[in-house]
Amino acid sequence: MSSKNPCISVCKFTDDTCIACGRTKPECKAWKKMDKDERRDVNEQAKLRLKDMKGTAKRKKKKA
């Protein structure tokens, strides 16, 4: 897994987790100071959080 910054400049948080990239606020804040391994670990956790969030997200009802 890459240590590339997953930010897509949406930055909307639900329960301290960004709904766009899956990172927590502390992880976003500390990103620049993290080494490559720490970033890789954060990206792996963020990916899992996003997967969990999408699995529990509510869909909007279509207008009739």
Protein backbone atom coordinates (compact mmCIF):
# COMPACT_ATOMS: atom_id res chain seq x y z
CA MET A 1 0.00 0.00 0.00
CA SER A 2 1.16 3.48 -0.85
CA SER A 3 2.04 6.18 1.66
CA LYS A 4 0.48 8.80 -0.62
CA ASN A 5 -1.77 11.34 1.07
CA PRO A 6 -5.37 10.12 0.60
CA CYS A 7 -6.86 13.60 1.04
CA ILE A 8 -9.24 14.68 -1.73
CA SER A 9 -9.89 18.13 -0.20
CA VAL A 10 -13.43 17.40 1.00
CA CYS A 11 -12.68 17.31 4.75
CA LYS A 12 -16.08 16.55 6.27
CA PHE A 13 -15.96 14.70 9.56
CA THR A 14 -18.43 12.32 11.16
CA ASP A 15 -17.51 10.97 14.59
CA ASP A 16 -13.93 12.30 14.19
CA THR A 17 -13.43 10.46 10.86
CA CYS A 18 -13.28 12.17 7.48
CA ILE A 19 -16.00 10.83 5.18
CA ALA A 20 -13.79 11.43 2.13
CA CYS A 21 -10.41 9.94 3.05
CA GLY A 22 -11.20 7.84 6.15
CA ARG A 23 -8.55 9.38 8.37
CA THR A 24 -9.22 10.72 11.85
CA LYS A 25 -8.63 14.38 12.73
CA PRO A 26 -5.44 13.56 14.69
CA GLU A 27 -4.14 11.49 11.76
CA CYS A 28 -4.80 14.33 9.32
CA LYS A 29 -3.06 16.81 11.61
CA ALA A 30 -0.01 14.57 12.15
CA TRP A 31 0.34 13.43 8.51
CA LYS A 32 3.27 15.69 7.57
CA LYS A 33 5.32 14.52 10.56
CA MET A 34 4.72 10.79 9.98
CA ASP A 35 7.32 8.53 8.42
CA LYS A 36 6.56 6.27 5.47
CA ASP A 37 5.60 3.26 7.59
CA GLU A 38 3.26 5.29 9.80
CA ARG A 39 1.57 6.74 6.72
CA ARG A 40 1.16 3.29 5.22
CA ASP A 41 -0.48 2.08 8.45
CA VAL A 42 -2.81 5.09 8.53
CA ASN A 43 -3.79 4.50 4.90
CA GLU A 44 -4.62 0.87 5.61
CA GLN A 45 -6.78 1.83 8.60
CA ALA A 46 -8.44 4.64 6.64
CA LYS A 47 -9.32 2.26 3.83
CA LEU A 48 -11.01 -0.08 6.33
CA ARG A 49 -12.89 2.80 7.95
CA LEU A 50 -14.20 3.98 4.57
CA LYS A 51 -15.32 0.46 3.74
CA ASP A 52 -17.17 0.22 7.08
CA MET A 53 -18.73 3.66 6.61
CA LYS A 54 -20.02 2.82 3.14
CA GLY A 55 -21.48 -0.42 4.43
CA THR A 56 -23.52 1.41 7.06
CA ALA A 57 -24.35 4.56 5.09
CA LYS A 58 -27.96 5.31 4.31
CA ARG A 59 -28.94 5.83 0.71
CA LYS A 60 -31.07 8.78 -0.26
CA LYS A 61 -34.53 7.85 -1.46
CA LYS A 62 -35.26 8.51 -5.10
CA LYS A 63 -37.88 11.11 -5.82
CA ALA A 64 -41.00 9.66 -7.38
